[in-house]
Amino acid sequence: GTINRKVLGAKVFGNQEHLKSLTDIVWPVMAQMVK
């Protein structure tokens, strides 16, 4: 049930639309964690 980062990476790297979808999810979450 853990996320396979290699499989996820293969989906997003080289695909700007998928990469933006991922960063739109993760970056705000990380910003909150930083705070």
PDB file of all heavy atoms in Angstrom:
ATOM      1  N   GLY A   1       0.778  -1.231   0.000  1.00  0.00           N
ATOM      2  CA  GLY A   1       0.000   0.000   0.000  1.00  0.00           C
ATOM      3  C   GLY A   1       0.807   1.277   0.000  1.00  0.00           C
ATOM      4  O   GLY A   1       0.235   2.371  -0.040  1.00  0.00           O
ATOM      5  N   THR A   2       2.142   1.174   0.057  1.00  0.00           N
ATOM      6  CA  THR A   2       2.973   2.383  -0.011  1.00  0.00           C
ATOM      7  C   THR A   2       3.092   2.837  -1.460  1.00  0.00           C
ATOM      8  O   THR A   2       2.966   2.044  -2.396  1.00  0.00           O
ATOM      9  CB  THR A   2       4.377   2.125   0.564  1.00  0.00           C
ATOM     10  OG1 THR A   2       4.979   1.052  -0.167  1.00  0.00           O
ATOM     11  CG2 THR A   2       4.303   1.765   2.037  1.00  0.00           C
ATOM     12  N   ILE A   3       3.345   4.117  -1.646  1.00  0.00           N
ATOM     13  CA  ILE A   3       3.512   4.671  -2.989  1.00  0.00           C
ATOM     14  C   ILE A   3       4.896   4.300  -3.522  1.00  0.00           C
ATOM     15  O   ILE A   3       5.908   4.526  -2.853  1.00  0.00           O
ATOM     16  CB  ILE A   3       3.337   6.204  -2.987  1.00  0.00           C
ATOM     17  CG1 ILE A   3       1.875   6.567  -2.690  1.00  0.00           C
ATOM     18  CG2 ILE A   3       3.762   6.812  -4.321  1.00  0.00           C
ATOM     19  CD1 ILE A   3       1.618   8.065  -2.546  1.00  0.00           C
ATOM     20  N   ASN A   4       4.916   3.710  -4.708  1.00  0.00           N
ATOM     21  CA  ASN A   4       6.184   3.381  -5.372  1.00  0.00           C
ATOM     22  C   ASN A   4       6.659   4.639  -6.098  1.00  0.00           C
ATOM     23  O   ASN A   4       6.130   5.008  -7.141  1.00  0.00           O
ATOM     24  CB  ASN A   4       5.978   2.227  -6.361  1.00  0.00           C
ATOM     25  CG  ASN A   4       7.281   1.740  -6.958  1.00  0.00           C
ATOM     26  OD1 ASN A   4       8.141   2.531  -7.332  1.00  0.00           O
ATOM     27  ND2 ASN A   4       7.430   0.420  -7.055  1.00  0.00           N
ATOM     28  N   ARG A   5       7.660   5.302  -5.531  1.00  0.00           N
ATOM     29  CA  ARG A   5       8.096   6.595  -6.057  1.00  0.00           C
ATOM     30  C   ARG A   5       8.691   6.469  -7.462  1.00  0.00           C
ATOM     31  O   ARG A   5       8.629   7.406  -8.255  1.00  0.00           O
ATOM     32  CB  ARG A   5       9.078   7.247  -5.088  1.00  0.00           C
ATOM     33  CG  ARG A   5       8.399   7.688  -3.783  1.00  0.00           C
ATOM     34  CD  ARG A   5       9.416   8.089  -2.734  1.00  0.00           C
ATOM     35  NE  ARG A   5      10.088   9.320  -3.074  1.00  0.00           N
ATOM     36  CZ  ARG A   5       9.667  10.533  -2.699  1.00  0.00           C
ATOM     37  NH1 ARG A   5       8.563  10.668  -1.995  1.00  0.00           N
ATOM     38  NH2 ARG A   5      10.355  11.608  -3.029  1.00  0.00           N
ATOM     39  N   LYS A   6       9.298   5.300  -7.773  1.00  0.00           N
ATOM     40  CA  LYS A   6       9.844   5.106  -9.118  1.00  0.00           C
ATOM     41  C   LYS A   6       8.728   5.050 -10.157  1.00  0.00           C
ATOM     42  O   LYS A   6       8.830   5.631 -11.237  1.00  0.00           O
ATOM     43  CB  LYS A   6      10.679   3.824  -9.169  1.00  0.00           C
ATOM     44  CG  LYS A   6      12.035   3.948  -8.487  1.00  0.00           C
ATOM     45  CD  LYS A   6      12.881   2.706  -8.732  1.00  0.00           C
ATOM     46  CE  LYS A   6      14.273   2.867  -8.121  1.00  0.00           C
ATOM     47  NZ  LYS A   6      15.110   1.666  -8.323  1.00  0.00           N
ATOM     48  N   VAL A   7       7.653   4.332  -9.830  1.00  0.00           N
ATOM     49  CA  VAL A   7       6.511   4.239 -10.752  1.00  0.00           C
ATOM     50  C   VAL A   7       5.859   5.606 -10.904  1.00  0.00           C
ATOM     51  O   VAL A   7       5.523   6.033 -12.015  1.00  0.00           O
ATOM     52  CB  VAL A   7       5.490   3.199 -10.247  1.00  0.00           C
ATOM     53  CG1 VAL A   7       4.239   3.208 -11.133  1.00  0.00           C
ATOM     54  CG2 VAL A   7       6.111   1.809 -10.215  1.00  0.00           C
ATOM     55  N   LEU A   8       5.713   6.311  -9.783  1.00  0.00           N
ATOM     56  CA  LEU A   8       5.118   7.649  -9.831  1.00  0.00           C
ATOM     57  C   LEU A   8       6.005   8.584 -10.644  1.00  0.00           C
ATOM     58  O   LEU A   8       5.524   9.367 -11.470  1.00  0.00           O
ATOM     59  CB  LEU A   8       4.932   8.185  -8.409  1.00  0.00           C
ATOM     60  CG  LEU A   8       4.371   9.607  -8.283  1.00  0.00           C
ATOM     61  CD1 LEU A   8       2.994   9.706  -8.927  1.00  0.00           C
ATOM     62  CD2 LEU A   8       4.317  10.032  -6.816  1.00  0.00           C
ATOM     63  N   GLY A   9       7.328   8.477 -10.436  1.00  0.00           N
ATOM     64  CA  GLY A   9       8.270   9.314 -11.172  1.00  0.00           C
ATOM     65  C   GLY A   9       8.189   9.097 -12.667  1.00  0.00           C
ATOM     66  O   GLY A   9       8.250  10.045 -13.458  1.00  0.00           O
ATOM     67  N   ALA A  10       8.032   7.830 -13.062  1.00  0.00           N
ATOM     68  CA  ALA A  10       7.935   7.518 -14.490  1.00  0.00           C
ATOM     69  C   ALA A  10       6.691   8.138 -15.104  1.00  0.00           C
ATOM     70  O   ALA A  10       6.659   8.464 -16.297  1.00  0.00           O
ATOM     71  CB  ALA A  10       7.923   5.998 -14.684  1.00  0.00           C
ATOM     72  N   LYS A  11       5.653   8.319 -14.287  1.00  0.00           N
ATOM     73  CA  LYS A  11       4.408   8.908 -14.789  1.00  0.00           C
ATOM     74  C   LYS A  11       4.520  10.421 -14.986  1.00  0.00           C
ATOM     75  O   LYS A  11       3.917  10.988 -15.893  1.00  0.00           O
ATOM     76  CB  LYS A  11       3.254   8.624 -13.806  1.00  0.00           C
ATOM     77  CG  LYS A  11       2.603   7.262 -13.956  1.00  0.00           C
ATOM     78  CD  LYS A  11       1.491   7.125 -12.924  1.00  0.00           C
ATOM     79  CE  LYS A  11       0.645   5.899 -13.189  1.00  0.00           C
ATOM     80  NZ  LYS A  11      -0.300   6.093 -14.293  1.00  0.00           N
ATOM     81  N   VAL A  12       5.310  11.078 -14.117  1.00  0.00           N
ATOM     82  CA  VAL A  12       5.290  12.541 -14.134  1.00  0.00           C
ATOM     83  C   VAL A  12       6.469  13.180 -14.863  1.00  0.00           C
ATOM     84  O   VAL A  12       6.322  14.239 -15.470  1.00  0.00           O
ATOM     85  CB  VAL A  12       5.204  13.116 -12.698  1.00  0.00           C
ATOM     86  CG1 VAL A  12       3.949  12.633 -11.997  1.00  0.00           C
ATOM     87  CG2 VAL A  12       6.438  12.762 -11.878  1.00  0.00           C
ATOM     88  N   PHE A  13       7.649  12.549 -14.794  1.00  0.00           N
ATOM     89  CA  PHE A  13       8.809  13.184 -15.410  1.00  0.00           C
ATOM     90  C   PHE A  13       8.742  13.032 -16.922  1.00  0.00           C
ATOM     91  O   PHE A  13       8.563  11.940 -17.452  1.00  0.00           O
ATOM     92  CB  PHE A  13      10.106  12.613 -14.841  1.00  0.00           C
ATOM     93  CG  PHE A  13      10.309  12.998 -13.402  1.00  0.00           C
ATOM     94  CD1 PHE A  13      10.328  12.041 -12.403  1.00  0.00           C
ATOM     95  CD2 PHE A  13      10.446  14.328 -13.039  1.00  0.00           C
ATOM     96  CE1 PHE A  13      10.492  12.405 -11.079  1.00  0.00           C
ATOM     97  CE2 PHE A  13      10.612  14.696 -11.717  1.00  0.00           C
ATOM     98  CZ  PHE A  13      10.634  13.732 -10.731  1.00  0.00           C
ATOM     99  N   GLY A  14       8.857  14.171 -17.607  1.00  0.00           N
ATOM    100  CA  GLY A  14       8.692  14.180 -19.058  1.00  0.00           C
ATOM    101  C   GLY A  14       7.273  14.509 -19.463  1.00  0.00           C
ATOM    102  O   GLY A  14       6.981  14.678 -20.643  1.00  0.00           O
ATOM    103  N   ASN A  15       6.368  14.594 -18.482  1.00  0.00           N
ATOM    104  CA  ASN A  15       4.979  14.955 -18.763  1.00  0.00           C
ATOM    105  C   ASN A  15       4.632  16.166 -17.897  1.00  0.00           C
ATOM    106  O   ASN A  15       4.352  16.028 -16.703  1.00  0.00           O
ATOM    107  CB  ASN A  15       4.050  13.776 -18.453  1.00  0.00           C
ATOM    108  CG  ASN A  15       2.609  14.041 -18.867  1.00  0.00           C
ATOM    109  OD1 ASN A  15       2.060  15.117 -18.628  1.00  0.00           O
ATOM    110  ND2 ASN A  15       1.975  13.051 -19.494  1.00  0.00           N
ATOM    111  N   GLN A  16       4.690  17.354 -18.483  1.00  0.00           N
ATOM    112  CA  GLN A  16       4.506  18.591 -17.719  1.00  0.00           C
ATOM    113  C   GLN A  16       3.143  18.666 -17.038  1.00  0.00           C
ATOM    114  O   GLN A  16       3.023  19.164 -15.915  1.00  0.00           O
ATOM    115  CB  GLN A  16       4.696  19.807 -18.645  1.00  0.00           C
ATOM    116  CG  GLN A  16       6.134  20.034 -19.076  1.00  0.00           C
ATOM    117  CD  GLN A  16       7.057  20.274 -17.892  1.00  0.00           C
ATOM    118  OE1 GLN A  16       6.744  21.028 -16.978  1.00  0.00           O
ATOM    119  NE2 GLN A  16       8.208  19.606 -17.903  1.00  0.00           N
ATOM    120  N   GLU A  17       2.119  18.146 -17.703  1.00  0.00           N
ATOM    121  CA  GLU A  17       0.767  18.205 -17.128  1.00  0.00           C
ATOM    122  C   GLU A  17       0.677  17.343 -15.873  1.00  0.00           C
ATOM    123  O   GLU A  17       0.140  17.767 -14.849  1.00  0.00           O
ATOM    124  CB  GLU A  17      -0.246  17.719 -18.178  1.00  0.00           C
ATOM    125  CG  GLU A  17      -1.693  17.884 -17.724  1.00  0.00           C
ATOM    126  CD  GLU A  17      -2.694  17.431 -18.783  1.00  0.00           C
ATOM    127  OE1 GLU A  17      -2.318  17.354 -19.976  1.00  0.00           O
ATOM    128  OE2 GLU A  17      -3.846  17.150 -18.415  1.00  0.00           O
ATOM    129  N   HIS A  18       1.230  16.122 -15.950  1.00  0.00           N
ATOM    130  CA  HIS A  18       1.208  15.230 -14.784  1.00  0.00           C
ATOM    131  C   HIS A  18       2.075  15.783 -13.659  1.00  0.00           C
ATOM    132  O   HIS A  18       1.718  15.687 -12.478  1.00  0.00           O
ATOM    133  CB  HIS A  18       1.695  13.832 -15.169  1.00  0.00           C
ATOM    134  CG  HIS A  18       0.692  13.052 -15.966  1.00  0.00           C
ATOM    135  ND1 HIS A  18       0.952  11.804 -16.485  1.00  0.00           N
ATOM    136  CD2 HIS A  18      -0.581  13.342 -16.329  1.00  0.00           C
ATOM    137  CE1 HIS A  18      -0.112  11.366 -17.132  1.00  0.00           C
ATOM    138  NE2 HIS A  18      -1.050  12.290 -17.063  1.00  0.00           N
ATOM    139  N   LEU A  19       3.236  16.350 -14.034  1.00  0.00           N
ATOM    140  CA  LEU A  19       4.135  16.905 -13.025  1.00  0.00           C
ATOM    141  C   LEU A  19       3.465  18.065 -12.287  1.00  0.00           C
ATOM    142  O   LEU A  19       3.567  18.170 -11.061  1.00  0.00           O
ATOM    143  CB  LEU A  19       5.435  17.386 -13.690  1.00  0.00           C
ATOM    144  CG  LEU A  19       6.500  17.961 -12.742  1.00  0.00           C
ATOM    145  CD1 LEU A  19       6.936  16.921 -11.726  1.00  0.00           C
ATOM    146  CD2 LEU A  19       7.707  18.460 -13.540  1.00  0.00           C
ATOM    147  N   LYS A  20       2.745  18.908 -13.027  1.00  0.00           N
ATOM    148  CA  LYS A  20       2.050  20.025 -12.381  1.00  0.00           C
ATOM    149  C   LYS A  20       0.949  19.515 -11.459  1.00  0.00           C
ATOM    150  O   LYS A  20       0.740  20.053 -10.365  1.00  0.00           O
ATOM    151  CB  LYS A  20       1.463  20.963 -13.437  1.00  0.00           C
ATOM    152  CG  LYS A  20       0.836  22.236 -12.825  1.00  0.00           C
ATOM    153  CD  LYS A  20       0.316  23.184 -13.877  1.00  0.00           C
ATOM    154  CE  LYS A  20      -0.182  24.486 -13.251  1.00  0.00           C
ATOM    155  NZ  LYS A  20      -1.152  24.293 -12.159  1.00  0.00           N
ATOM    156  N   SER A  21       0.258  18.456 -11.895  1.00  0.00           N
ATOM    157  CA  SER A  21      -0.790  17.874 -11.039  1.00  0.00           C
ATOM    158  C   SER A  21      -0.197  17.404  -9.718  1.00  0.00           C
ATOM    159  O   SER A  21      -0.793  17.598  -8.650  1.00  0.00           O
ATOM    160  CB  SER A  21      -1.458  16.690 -11.754  1.00  0.00           C
ATOM    161  OG  SER A  21      -2.109  17.107 -12.927  1.00  0.00           O
ATOM    162  N   LEU A  22       0.994  16.783  -9.796  1.00  0.00           N
ATOM    163  CA  LEU A  22       1.632  16.279  -8.581  1.00  0.00           C
ATOM    164  C   LEU A  22       2.094  17.422  -7.680  1.00  0.00           C
ATOM    165  O   LEU A  22       1.826  17.411  -6.472  1.00  0.00           O
ATOM    166  CB  LEU A  22       2.819  15.386  -8.957  1.00  0.00           C
ATOM    167  CG  LEU A  22       3.577  14.767  -7.782  1.00  0.00           C
ATOM    168  CD1 LEU A  22       2.671  13.834  -6.990  1.00  0.00           C
ATOM    169  CD2 LEU A  22       4.820  14.023  -8.262  1.00  0.00           C
ATOM    170  N   THR A  23       2.767  18.414  -8.273  1.00  0.00           N
ATOM    171  CA  THR A  23       3.269  19.523  -7.444  1.00  0.00           C
ATOM    172  C   THR A  23       2.124  20.354  -6.860  1.00  0.00           C
ATOM    173  O   THR A  23       2.242  20.872  -5.757  1.00  0.00           O
ATOM    174  CB  THR A  23       4.229  20.436  -8.239  1.00  0.00           C
ATOM    175  OG1 THR A  23       3.575  20.907  -9.425  1.00  0.00           O
ATOM    176  CG2 THR A  23       5.491  19.679  -8.638  1.00  0.00           C
ATOM    177  N   ASP A  24       1.015  20.453  -7.606  1.00  0.00           N
ATOM    178  CA  ASP A  24      -0.145  21.179  -7.076  1.00  0.00           C
ATOM    179  C   ASP A  24      -0.703  20.497  -5.829  1.00  0.00           C
ATOM    180  O   ASP A  24      -1.307  21.153  -4.972  1.00  0.00           O
ATOM    181  CB  ASP A  24      -1.240  21.284  -8.144  1.00  0.00           C
ATOM    182  CG  ASP A  24      -0.940  22.339  -9.198  1.00  0.00           C
ATOM    183  OD1 ASP A  24       0.021  23.110  -8.993  1.00  0.00           O
ATOM    184  OD2 ASP A  24      -1.650  22.383 -10.226  1.00  0.00           O
ATOM    185  N   ILE A  25      -0.518  19.178  -5.744  1.00  0.00           N
ATOM    186  CA  ILE A  25      -0.965  18.437  -4.559  1.00  0.00           C
ATOM    187  C   ILE A  25       0.065  18.539  -3.439  1.00  0.00           C
ATOM    188  O   ILE A  25      -0.255  18.873  -2.297  1.00  0.00           O
ATOM    189  CB  ILE A  25      -1.197  16.946  -4.903  1.00  0.00           C
ATOM    190  CG1 ILE A  25      -2.365  16.789  -5.880  1.00  0.00           C
ATOM    191  CG2 ILE A  25      -1.452  16.128  -3.637  1.00  0.00           C
ATOM    192  CD1 ILE A  25      -2.501  15.386  -6.450  1.00  0.00           C
ATOM    193  N   VAL A  26       1.322  18.245  -3.789  1.00  0.00           N
ATOM    194  CA  VAL A  26       2.347  18.037  -2.758  1.00  0.00           C
ATOM    195  C   VAL A  26       2.928  19.335  -2.203  1.00  0.00           C
ATOM    196  O   VAL A  26       3.131  19.453  -0.993  1.00  0.00           O
ATOM    197  CB  VAL A  26       3.484  17.146  -3.319  1.00  0.00           C
ATOM    198  CG1 VAL A  26       4.606  16.994  -2.290  1.00  0.00           C
ATOM    199  CG2 VAL A  26       2.937  15.780  -3.698  1.00  0.00           C
ATOM    200  N   TRP A  27       3.195  20.331  -3.057  1.00  0.00           N
ATOM    201  CA  TRP A  27       3.865  21.541  -2.569  1.00  0.00           C
ATOM    202  C   TRP A  27       3.069  22.295  -1.506  1.00  0.00           C
ATOM    203  O   TRP A  27       3.641  22.703  -0.491  1.00  0.00           O
ATOM    204  CB  TRP A  27       4.239  22.449  -3.742  1.00  0.00           C
ATOM    205  CG  TRP A  27       5.436  21.951  -4.505  1.00  0.00           C
ATOM    206  CD1 TRP A  27       6.206  20.859  -4.201  1.00  0.00           C
ATOM    207  CD2 TRP A  27       6.006  22.521  -5.679  1.00  0.00           C
ATOM    208  NE1 TRP A  27       7.208  20.708  -5.121  1.00  0.00           N
ATOM    209  CE2 TRP A  27       7.120  21.714  -6.047  1.00  0.00           C
ATOM    210  CE3 TRP A  27       5.691  23.611  -6.463  1.00  0.00           C
ATOM    211  CZ2 TRP A  27       7.912  21.985  -7.149  1.00  0.00           C
ATOM    212  CZ3 TRP A  27       6.474  23.887  -7.573  1.00  0.00           C
ATOM    213  CH2 TRP A  27       7.581  23.090  -7.910  1.00  0.00           C
ATOM    214  N   PRO A  28       1.746  22.502  -1.670  1.00  0.00           N
ATOM    215  CA  PRO A  28       1.007  23.185  -0.590  1.00  0.00           C
ATOM    216  C   PRO A  28       1.043  22.389   0.718  1.00  0.00           C
ATOM    217  O   PRO A  28       1.124  22.978   1.803  1.00  0.00           O
ATOM    218  CB  PRO A  28      -0.416  23.287  -1.143  1.00  0.00           C
ATOM    219  CG  PRO A  28      -0.257  23.216  -2.624  1.00  0.00           C
ATOM    220  CD  PRO A  28       0.881  22.272  -2.851  1.00  0.00           C
ATOM    221  N   VAL A  29       0.986  21.059   0.599  1.00  0.00           N
ATOM    222  CA  VAL A  29       1.055  20.210   1.795  1.00  0.00           C
ATOM    223  C   VAL A  29       2.405  20.387   2.479  1.00  0.00           C
ATOM    224  O   VAL A  29       2.490  20.540   3.708  1.00  0.00           O
ATOM    225  CB  VAL A  29       0.838  18.726   1.405  1.00  0.00           C
ATOM    226  CG1 VAL A  29       1.205  17.803   2.560  1.00  0.00           C
ATOM    227  CG2 VAL A  29      -0.608  18.495   0.990  1.00  0.00           C
ATOM    228  N   MET A  30       3.478  20.376   1.674  1.00  0.00           N
ATOM    229  CA  MET A  30       4.818  20.528   2.248  1.00  0.00           C
ATOM    230  C   MET A  30       5.004  21.911   2.865  1.00  0.00           C
ATOM    231  O   MET A  30       5.651  22.058   3.902  1.00  0.00           O
ATOM    232  CB  MET A  30       5.874  20.269   1.180  1.00  0.00           C
ATOM    233  CG  MET A  30       5.986  18.808   0.781  1.00  0.00           C
ATOM    234  SD  MET A  30       7.249  18.536  -0.473  1.00  0.00           S
ATOM    235  CE  MET A  30       8.732  19.004   0.415  1.00  0.00           C
ATOM    236  N   ALA A  31       4.428  22.932   2.234  1.00  0.00           N
ATOM    237  CA  ALA A  31       4.515  24.286   2.783  1.00  0.00           C
ATOM    238  C   ALA A  31       3.877  24.342   4.168  1.00  0.00           C
ATOM    239  O   ALA A  31       4.411  24.983   5.087  1.00  0.00           O
ATOM    240  CB  ALA A  31       3.846  25.285   1.839  1.00  0.00           C
ATOM    241  N   GLN A  32       2.759  23.646   4.318  1.00  0.00           N
ATOM    242  CA  GLN A  32       2.088  23.603   5.620  1.00  0.00           C
ATOM    243  C   GLN A  32       2.936  22.850   6.639  1.00  0.00           C
ATOM    244  O   GLN A  32       3.043  23.257   7.811  1.00  0.00           O
ATOM    245  CB  GLN A  32       0.703  22.942   5.479  1.00  0.00           C
ATOM    246  CG  GLN A  32      -0.161  23.028   6.716  1.00  0.00           C
ATOM    247  CD  GLN A  32      -0.391  24.465   7.174  1.00  0.00           C
ATOM    248  OE1 GLN A  32      -0.634  25.355   6.375  1.00  0.00           O
ATOM    249  NE2 GLN A  32      -0.272  24.701   8.476  1.00  0.00           N
ATOM    250  N   MET A  33       3.569  21.745   6.187  1.00  0.00           N
ATOM    251  CA  MET A  33       4.435  20.972   7.083  1.00  0.00           C
ATOM    252  C   MET A  33       5.631  21.810   7.530  1.00  0.00           C
ATOM    253  O   MET A  33       6.072  21.723   8.677  1.00  0.00           O
ATOM    254  CB  MET A  33       4.905  19.693   6.378  1.00  0.00           C
ATOM    255  CG  MET A  33       3.778  18.714   6.077  1.00  0.00           C
ATOM    256  SD  MET A  33       4.307  17.333   5.016  1.00  0.00           S
ATOM    257  CE  MET A  33       5.142  16.282   6.214  1.00  0.00           C
ATOM    258  N   VAL A  34       6.168  22.626   6.599  1.00  0.00           N
ATOM    259  CA  VAL A  34       7.293  23.505   6.941  1.00  0.00           C
ATOM    260  C   VAL A  34       6.864  24.501   8.019  1.00  0.00           C
ATOM    261  O   VAL A  34       7.601  24.743   8.982  1.00  0.00           O
ATOM    262  CB  VAL A  34       7.803  24.248   5.685  1.00  0.00           C
ATOM    263  CG1 VAL A  34       8.713  25.408   6.077  1.00  0.00           C
ATOM    264  CG2 VAL A  34       8.541  23.292   4.757  1.00  0.00           C
ATOM    265  N   LYS A  35       5.675  25.085   7.857  1.00  0.00           N
ATOM    266  CA  LYS A  35       5.186  26.049   8.849  1.00  0.00           C
ATOM    267  C   LYS A  35       5.050  25.398  10.224  1.00  0.00           C
ATOM    268  O   LYS A  35       5.356  26.015  11.250  1.00  0.00           O
ATOM    269  CB  LYS A  35       3.853  26.636   8.394  1.00  0.00           C
ATOM    270  CG  LYS A  35       3.982  27.582   7.207  1.00  0.00           C
ATOM    271  CD  LYS A  35       2.625  28.054   6.716  1.00  0.00           C
ATOM    272  CE  LYS A  35       2.779  28.950   5.484  1.00  0.00           C
ATOM    273  NZ  LYS A  35       1.465  29.363   4.937  1.00  0.00           N
TER     274      LYS A  35
END
